[in-house]
Protein backbone atom coordinates (compact mmCIF):
# COMPACT_ATOMS: atom_id res chain seq x y z
CA MET A 1 0.17 -0.08 0.01
CA ILE A 2 1.29 3.52 -0.72
CA ASN A 3 0.26 6.02 1.29
CA VAL A 4 0.17 10.16 0.50
CA THR A 5 2.89 10.12 2.75
CA GLN A 6 4.93 8.20 5.15
CA THR A 7 7.15 9.08 8.46
CA PHE A 8 10.90 8.97 8.11
CA LEU A 9 11.95 7.15 10.92
CA PRO A 10 15.80 6.97 12.22
CA PRO A 11 17.13 4.43 12.69
CA GLN A 12 15.96 3.06 16.10
CA ASN A 13 19.14 2.03 17.68
CA GLU A 14 19.95 6.41 17.22
CA TYR A 15 16.52 6.88 19.12
CA GLN A 16 17.18 4.65 21.78
CA SER A 17 20.58 5.96 22.17
CA ILE A 18 19.04 9.69 22.63
CA LEU A 19 16.70 8.12 24.73
CA GLU A 20 19.41 6.96 27.33
CA ARG A 21 19.62 10.97 28.62
CA VAL A 22 15.79 10.81 29.33
CA TRP A 23 16.27 7.93 31.59
CA LYS A 24 19.44 9.03 33.00
CA SER A 25 17.96 12.72 34.14
CA LYS A 26 14.65 10.95 34.69
CA TRP A 27 13.33 14.04 33.06
CA LEU A 28 10.34 13.95 30.82
CA THR A 29 8.45 16.72 30.46
CA ASN A 30 8.97 20.53 31.63
CA ARG A 31 11.25 21.67 29.21
CA GLY A 32 14.29 19.09 29.76
CA GLU A 33 17.52 19.08 27.98
CA LEU A 34 16.48 17.59 24.71
CA VAL A 35 13.90 20.11 24.18
CA ARG A 36 16.19 23.08 24.98
CA GLU A 37 18.83 21.46 22.71
CA LEU A 38 16.50 21.10 20.11
CA GLU A 39 15.20 24.75 19.83
CA ALA A 40 18.65 25.86 20.05
CA LYS A 41 19.46 23.76 16.78
CA ILE A 42 16.39 25.21 15.20
CA GLN A 43 17.74 28.70 16.10
CA ASP A 44 21.17 28.13 15.09
CA SER A 45 20.83 26.96 11.92
CA MET A 46 17.96 29.46 10.56
CA HIS A 47 19.37 32.63 12.14
CA ILE A 48 16.04 32.81 14.15
CA LYS A 49 15.18 34.04 17.47
CA ASN A 50 12.24 33.51 20.24
CA CYS A 51 11.50 29.69 19.15
CA LEU A 52 9.51 28.01 21.37
CA ILE A 53 8.76 24.06 20.64
CA MET A 54 5.14 22.52 21.57
CA ASN A 55 2.86 19.80 21.97
CA ASN A 56 1.60 20.28 18.07
CA GLY A 57 1.07 22.62 15.36
CA THR A 58 -2.00 24.03 16.79
CA ILE A 59 -1.66 25.18 20.04
CA PRO A 60 0.60 27.65 18.99
CA LEU A 61 -2.20 28.77 16.17
CA GLN A 62 -4.52 29.23 19.09
CA LEU A 63 -1.85 30.89 21.65
CA ALA A 64 -1.29 33.32 18.57
CA LEU A 65 -4.91 34.01 18.52
CA LYS A 66 -5.47 34.61 22.00
CA LEU A 67 -2.65 36.91 22.60
CA LEU A 68 -3.49 39.03 19.19
CA GLY A 69 -7.07 38.39 18.15
CA ASN A 70 -9.00 40.26 20.98
CA GLY A 71 -12.20 38.43 19.70
CA GLY A 72 -12.17 40.39 16.59
CA GLU A 73 -12.31 39.66 12.85
CA ILE A 74 -9.14 37.41 11.45
CA ILE A 75 -8.60 37.94 7.71
CA THR A 76 -7.68 34.14 6.38
CA THR A 77 -7.32 32.02 3.47
CA PRO A 78 -10.30 29.38 2.67
CA PHE A 79 -7.37 27.25 1.21
CA SER A 80 -5.63 25.02 4.35
CA TYR A 81 -5.83 22.87 6.73
CA VAL A 82 -8.90 22.96 8.84
CA ALA A 83 -7.23 23.70 12.10
CA THR A 84 -6.17 27.62 10.72
CA THR A 85 -10.15 28.24 10.36
CA SER A 86 -11.07 26.11 13.72
CA SER A 87 -8.30 27.68 15.48
CA ILE A 88 -9.90 31.19 15.17
CA ILE A 89 -13.30 30.11 15.63
CA TRP A 90 -11.85 28.33 19.25
CA GLU A 91 -10.70 31.70 20.47
CA SER A 92 -13.46 33.10 20.16
CA CYS A 93 -12.60 35.39 16.80
CA THR A 94 -14.47 35.49 13.88
CA PRO A 95 -13.15 34.08 10.42
CA VAL A 96 -13.19 36.88 7.53
CA PHE A 97 -12.06 34.68 4.11
CA VAL A 98 -10.23 36.38 1.29
CA ASP A 99 -9.67 34.43 -1.75
CA ILE A 100 -6.55 33.02 -3.25
CA ASP A 101 -4.35 33.65 -6.28
CA PRO A 102 -5.01 31.35 -8.87
CA ILE A 103 -1.09 30.80 -9.58
CA TYR A 104 0.61 30.80 -5.89
CA TRP A 105 -2.77 29.70 -4.01
CA THR A 106 -1.87 31.59 -1.18
CA ILE A 107 -3.93 34.59 -0.18
CA ASP A 108 -4.18 37.42 -2.55
CA PRO A 109 -3.20 40.29 -0.58
CA TYR A 110 -4.95 42.92 -3.01
CA LYS A 111 -8.13 41.57 -1.90
CA ILE A 112 -7.34 41.87 1.59
CA GLU A 113 -8.22 45.83 2.16
CA ALA A 114 -11.71 45.43 0.76
CA ALA A 115 -12.23 42.71 4.13
CA ILE A 116 -10.61 45.11 6.55
CA THR A 117 -13.49 46.68 8.76
CA PRO A 118 -13.16 48.24 12.67
CA LYS A 119 -13.51 44.78 13.88
CA THR A 120 -10.13 43.42 11.95
CA THR A 121 -7.59 42.63 14.60
CA CYS A 122 -5.13 40.34 12.75
CA ILE A 123 -4.39 38.82 9.35
CA LEU A 124 -3.63 35.02 9.47
CA ALA A 125 -2.03 33.79 6.19
CA THR A 126 -1.14 30.49 5.27
CA HIS A 127 2.08 29.48 3.17
CA VAL A 128 0.45 27.09 1.27
CA PHE A 129 2.57 23.78 0.71
CA GLY A 130 5.74 25.45 1.57
CA ASN A 131 4.76 28.38 -1.03
CA VAL A 132 5.37 31.60 0.76
CA CYS A 133 2.65 34.10 0.64
CA GLU A 134 3.37 37.46 -1.04
CA ILE A 135 4.93 38.80 2.20
CA LYS A 136 5.76 42.44 1.68
CA ALA A 137 2.19 43.15 0.27
CA ILE A 138 0.43 41.67 3.06
CA GLU A 139 2.90 43.55 5.78
CA GLU A 140 2.48 46.72 4.64
CA ILE A 141 -1.10 46.60 4.55
CA ALA A 142 -0.89 45.32 8.30
CA LYS A 143 1.52 47.84 9.22
CA LYS A 144 -1.21 50.44 7.24
CA TYR A 145 -4.29 49.01 9.27
CA ASN A 146 -2.31 48.55 12.48
CA LEU A 147 -3.11 44.64 12.19
CA GLN A 148 -1.20 41.87 13.59
CA THR A 149 0.42 39.25 11.08
CA ILE A 150 0.30 35.22 12.00
CA TYR A 151 1.42 33.05 9.44
CA ASP A 152 0.84 29.34 9.31
CA ALA A 153 3.91 28.10 8.34
CA ALA A 154 2.89 24.49 9.24
CA HIS A 155 4.51 23.10 5.68
CA CYS A 156 7.72 25.10 6.19
CA PHE A 157 10.54 23.81 8.24
CA GLY A 158 13.62 24.32 6.40
CA VAL A 159 12.28 26.91 3.90
CA SER A 160 13.39 30.04 3.02
CA TYR A 161 12.58 33.31 1.29
CA LYS A 162 15.07 35.58 -0.08
CA GLY A 163 17.75 34.52 1.96
CA GLN A 164 16.00 34.68 5.51
CA SER A 165 14.29 31.58 7.24
CA VAL A 166 10.03 31.85 6.37
CA PHE A 167 9.98 31.88 10.52
CA SER A 168 11.53 35.56 10.28
CA PHE A 169 8.79 36.99 8.77
CA GLY A 170 5.16 37.91 10.44
CA ASP A 171 4.74 39.15 14.38
CA VAL A 172 4.60 35.22 14.48
CA SER A 173 5.18 32.09 12.36
CA THR A 174 3.98 28.78 13.53
CA CYS A 175 5.36 25.00 12.35
CA SER A 176 4.08 22.05 12.77
CA PHE A 177 6.44 19.05 13.60
CA HIS A 178 3.04 16.34 13.28
CA ALA A 179 4.63 12.76 11.69
CA THR A 180 3.64 13.57 8.25
CA LYS A 181 5.82 16.38 7.98
CA VAL A 182 9.59 16.68 6.25
CA PHE A 183 10.50 17.45 9.98
CA HIS A 184 8.79 15.84 12.31
CA THR A 185 8.81 15.10 16.50
CA GLY A 186 6.08 12.53 15.82
CA GLU A 187 3.70 15.09 17.44
CA GLY A 188 4.61 18.71 17.80
CA GLY A 189 5.26 22.08 16.77
CA MET A 190 6.94 25.58 16.92
CA ILE A 191 6.12 28.82 17.29
CA CYS A 192 8.30 32.00 16.38
CA ALA A 193 7.80 35.64 17.50
CA GLN A 194 10.09 38.42 16.61
CA ASN A 195 9.10 41.20 19.35
CA ASP A 196 10.71 39.61 22.83
CA GLU A 197 7.87 40.94 25.05
CA LEU A 198 5.45 39.10 22.93
CA PHE A 199 7.09 35.90 23.20
CA HIS A 200 8.22 35.96 26.68
CA HIS A 201 3.99 36.28 26.79
CA ILE A 202 3.46 33.21 24.89
CA TYR A 203 6.49 31.53 26.73
CA TYR A 204 4.23 31.67 30.09
CA SER A 205 1.18 31.11 28.00
CA HIS A 206 2.27 27.88 27.01
CA ASN A 207 2.81 26.57 30.76
CA PHE A 208 0.04 27.71 32.63
CA GLY A 209 1.15 31.27 33.18
CA HIS A 210 4.13 30.24 35.44
CA ASN A 211 6.32 32.59 36.64
CA GLY A 212 8.64 30.20 38.69
CA PRO A 213 7.00 27.36 40.47
CA GLU A 214 4.98 29.17 42.86
CA ALA A 215 3.89 32.44 40.76
CA PHE A 216 1.94 33.14 37.61
CA TYR A 217 1.70 36.21 35.19
CA GLY A 218 -1.47 35.38 33.93
CA VAL A 219 -3.92 32.66 32.54
CA GLY A 220 -2.04 29.94 30.20
CA ILE A 221 -2.68 26.50 29.30
CA ASN A 222 -0.32 23.54 28.66
CA GLY A 223 1.41 23.61 25.42
CA LYS A 224 4.68 21.81 26.31
CA ILE A 225 6.31 19.17 24.81
CA SER A 226 7.81 15.87 25.98
CA GLU A 227 11.36 14.71 26.42
CA LEU A 228 10.54 11.72 24.35
CA ASN A 229 9.14 13.85 21.47
CA ALA A 230 12.55 16.02 21.47
CA ALA A 231 14.29 12.56 21.37
CA MET A 232 12.62 11.49 18.33
CA GLY A 233 13.51 15.55 16.73
CA LEU A 234 16.95 15.38 17.77
CA ALA A 235 17.37 11.79 15.93
CA VAL A 236 15.49 13.00 12.74
CA TRP A 237 17.40 16.24 12.81
CA PRO A 238 20.89 14.71 11.09
CA TYR A 239 18.94 13.11 8.33
CA PHE A 240 16.93 16.41 7.14
CA ASP A 241 19.51 17.80 4.17
CA GLU A 242 19.00 13.63 3.03
CA ILE A 243 15.41 14.00 3.23
CA VAL A 244 14.79 16.74 1.35
CA SER A 245 17.21 16.06 -1.51
CA ARG A 246 15.48 12.52 -2.00
CA ARG A 247 12.34 14.41 -1.87
CA LYS A 248 13.85 16.85 -4.51
CA GLU A 249 14.18 13.74 -6.39
CA ILE A 250 10.69 12.53 -6.39
CA VAL A 251 9.20 15.67 -7.49
CA GLU A 252 11.36 16.18 -10.35
CA THR A 253 10.68 12.71 -11.36
CA TYR A 254 6.90 13.24 -11.35
CA LEU A 255 7.56 16.82 -13.13
CA THR A 256 9.37 15.12 -15.89
CA LEU A 257 6.67 12.13 -16.38
CA LEU A 258 3.59 14.25 -16.20
CA ALA A 259 4.89 17.11 -18.36
CA ASP A 260 2.79 16.55 -21.25
CA VAL A 261 -0.68 16.03 -19.12
CA ASN A 262 -3.23 18.39 -18.75
CA LEU A 263 -2.25 19.19 -15.15
CA GLN A 264 -1.32 22.40 -13.16
CA PHE A 265 1.74 22.18 -10.86
CA ILE A 266 2.24 24.96 -8.04
CA SER A 267 4.31 27.93 -8.90
CA LEU A 268 7.07 28.87 -6.50
CA ARG A 269 7.36 32.40 -5.84
CA VAL A 270 10.89 33.76 -7.11
CA GLY A 271 13.29 33.48 -3.90
CA LEU A 272 12.28 30.08 -2.68
CA ASP A 273 14.13 27.58 -1.51
CA TRP A 274 11.54 24.83 -1.10
CA ASN A 275 11.38 21.93 1.52
CA TYR A 276 9.69 19.67 -1.51
CA SER A 277 7.02 18.94 1.46
CA TYR A 278 3.99 18.20 -1.03
CA PHE A 279 3.21 17.25 -4.35
CA PRO A 280 0.05 18.56 -5.33
CA VAL A 281 -1.49 18.79 -8.86
CA VAL A 282 -4.87 20.60 -10.38
CA PHE A 283 -6.65 18.28 -12.65
CA GLU A 284 -9.02 20.05 -15.31
CA SER A 285 -12.16 19.13 -13.45
CA GLU A 286 -13.41 17.14 -10.31
CA ASP A 287 -14.65 14.49 -12.21
CA VAL A 288 -11.06 13.53 -13.76
CA LEU A 289 -9.67 13.94 -10.12
CA ASN A 290 -12.70 11.38 -8.90
CA ARG A 291 -11.80 8.62 -11.72
CA VAL A 292 -7.95 9.21 -10.86
CA MET A 293 -8.11 8.79 -7.55
CA GLN A 294 -10.51 5.76 -7.79
CA ASP A 295 -7.81 4.28 -10.55
CA LEU A 296 -5.03 4.84 -7.94
CA ASN A 297 -7.07 3.46 -5.04
CA LYS A 298 -7.78 0.56 -7.25
CA GLN A 299 -4.03 -0.43 -6.83
CA ASP A 300 -3.77 0.24 -3.24
CA ILE A 301 -2.44 3.80 -3.26
CA PHE A 302 -3.99 6.62 -1.73
CA PRO A 303 -3.21 10.21 -2.23
CA ARG A 304 -5.43 12.86 -0.54
CA ARG A 305 -7.43 15.80 -1.45
CA TYR A 306 -5.58 18.67 0.44
CA PHE A 307 -7.34 21.22 0.86
CA TYR A 308 -10.81 20.39 0.16
CA PRO A 309 -13.11 21.44 1.07
CA SER A 310 -12.35 24.95 0.62
CA LEU A 311 -12.93 26.29 4.59
CA ASN A 312 -14.64 29.04 3.72
CA THR A 313 -17.83 26.16 2.86
CA LEU A 314 -17.74 24.27 6.19
CA SER A 315 -21.27 23.66 7.93
CA TYR A 316 -20.30 25.99 11.04
CA ILE A 317 -19.25 29.08 9.22
CA ASP A 318 -21.09 31.54 7.87
CA GLY A 319 -18.01 32.73 5.03
CA GLN A 320 -17.77 34.54 2.24
CA SER A 321 -17.65 33.11 -1.54
CA CYS A 322 -14.29 32.61 -2.48
CA PRO A 323 -14.56 31.36 -6.36
CA ILE A 324 -11.09 30.61 -7.22
CA ALA A 325 -10.45 28.78 -3.66
CA GLU A 326 -13.58 26.69 -4.06
CA ASP A 327 -12.86 25.99 -7.79
CA ILE A 328 -9.07 24.68 -6.86
CA SER A 329 -10.00 22.98 -3.52
CA LYS A 330 -12.29 20.43 -5.88
CA ARG A 331 -9.22 20.08 -8.52
CA VAL A 332 -6.36 19.69 -6.28
CA LEU A 333 -4.62 16.36 -5.23
CA CYS A 334 -1.55 15.59 -3.47
CA LEU A 335 0.09 12.57 -5.10
CA PRO A 336 2.22 10.19 -2.73
CA LEU A 337 5.50 12.00 -1.67
CA TYR A 338 8.08 10.58 0.95
CA HIS A 339 11.64 9.81 1.58
CA GLY A 340 11.14 6.07 1.26
CA LEU A 341 9.06 6.05 -2.55
CA ALA A 342 10.87 4.25 -4.74
CA LEU A 343 11.55 6.09 -8.30
CA THR A 344 9.82 2.85 -9.76
CA GLN A 345 6.45 3.32 -7.72
CA VAL A 346 6.67 7.07 -8.74
CA ARG A 347 6.76 5.82 -12.52
CA SER A 348 3.53 3.65 -11.93
CA ILE A 349 1.79 6.37 -10.20
CA SER A 350 2.49 8.46 -13.02
CA LYS A 351 1.31 5.76 -15.79
CA ILE A 352 -1.79 5.52 -13.79
CA VAL A 353 -2.53 8.96 -13.46
CA ILE A 354 -1.82 9.48 -17.42
CA ASP A 355 -3.58 6.80 -18.05
CA SER A 356 -6.58 7.94 -16.39
CA ILE A 357 -6.64 11.29 -17.93
CA CYS A 358 -5.79 9.98 -21.76
């Protein structure tokens, strides 16, 4: 069976070797040495500051919205994973959807101003499939209207834009370290904030509001990650370049094999150093997509409809019309892509896609 993704697992003995440090310290959570070591590696390698690892990729979004959203309207994209929208609603804010760019699939910044009202507090934009938003335009708008910018960079570990880590942009950037991601800790996530005061607020908010063992700055939740998860991240860390290189080889093979088929591929922004996080293709119609999926499924191959449905159409949301996102979400499919996928399998998948379309 070939799934859309498969978790990269480092050699078990290497993971166990790191776990021996946990058994020795008997420190399993509450920001042990492994968590702090992984944070230091990330900050040093990406030249970023104020990086905080958490227990998943959704809690960072919720914390950012709790601290910056102020119960207001959040301008956001309908083309993302559901956590982007559900976090807004969970934190008692209101999502206001703005349609996406038809080429890059990220939020269209030239439609944002029309959606701003006196209740708007933040722009929450997603770097889709690791492809960055039009950052300069978004941040100019945010500055003009005194809005906060939050980037959902769940897919962006290792991505840089114009020579800077993508986590360097915005008031807050978040990432996912879920097992399906290019870099993972089994389950986990990360938040980065440029402002030291804001980061301090985030820091104590993710640990029940603690200011030392017996005092509290304010209300908080439990967003801490365990040493066991951090150990997985440290075991995966040495293989990251190899993982990205292998995924690049697979993506380039797909692009070569599918070059003459009626498909739209992701268009990456100039200046982007991509991490090959996903391989999305857009078909001519939803009928064609469904036919391709059925033919792949018959061969025990299971791609995934990221991102479907368009989030503005969710049943519990009174969303604004976003015709471009609604159209693309019906026609986009992510083909299998992971470190262990053989090129022979890529050729088999591509042949089924071609035969199904033609």
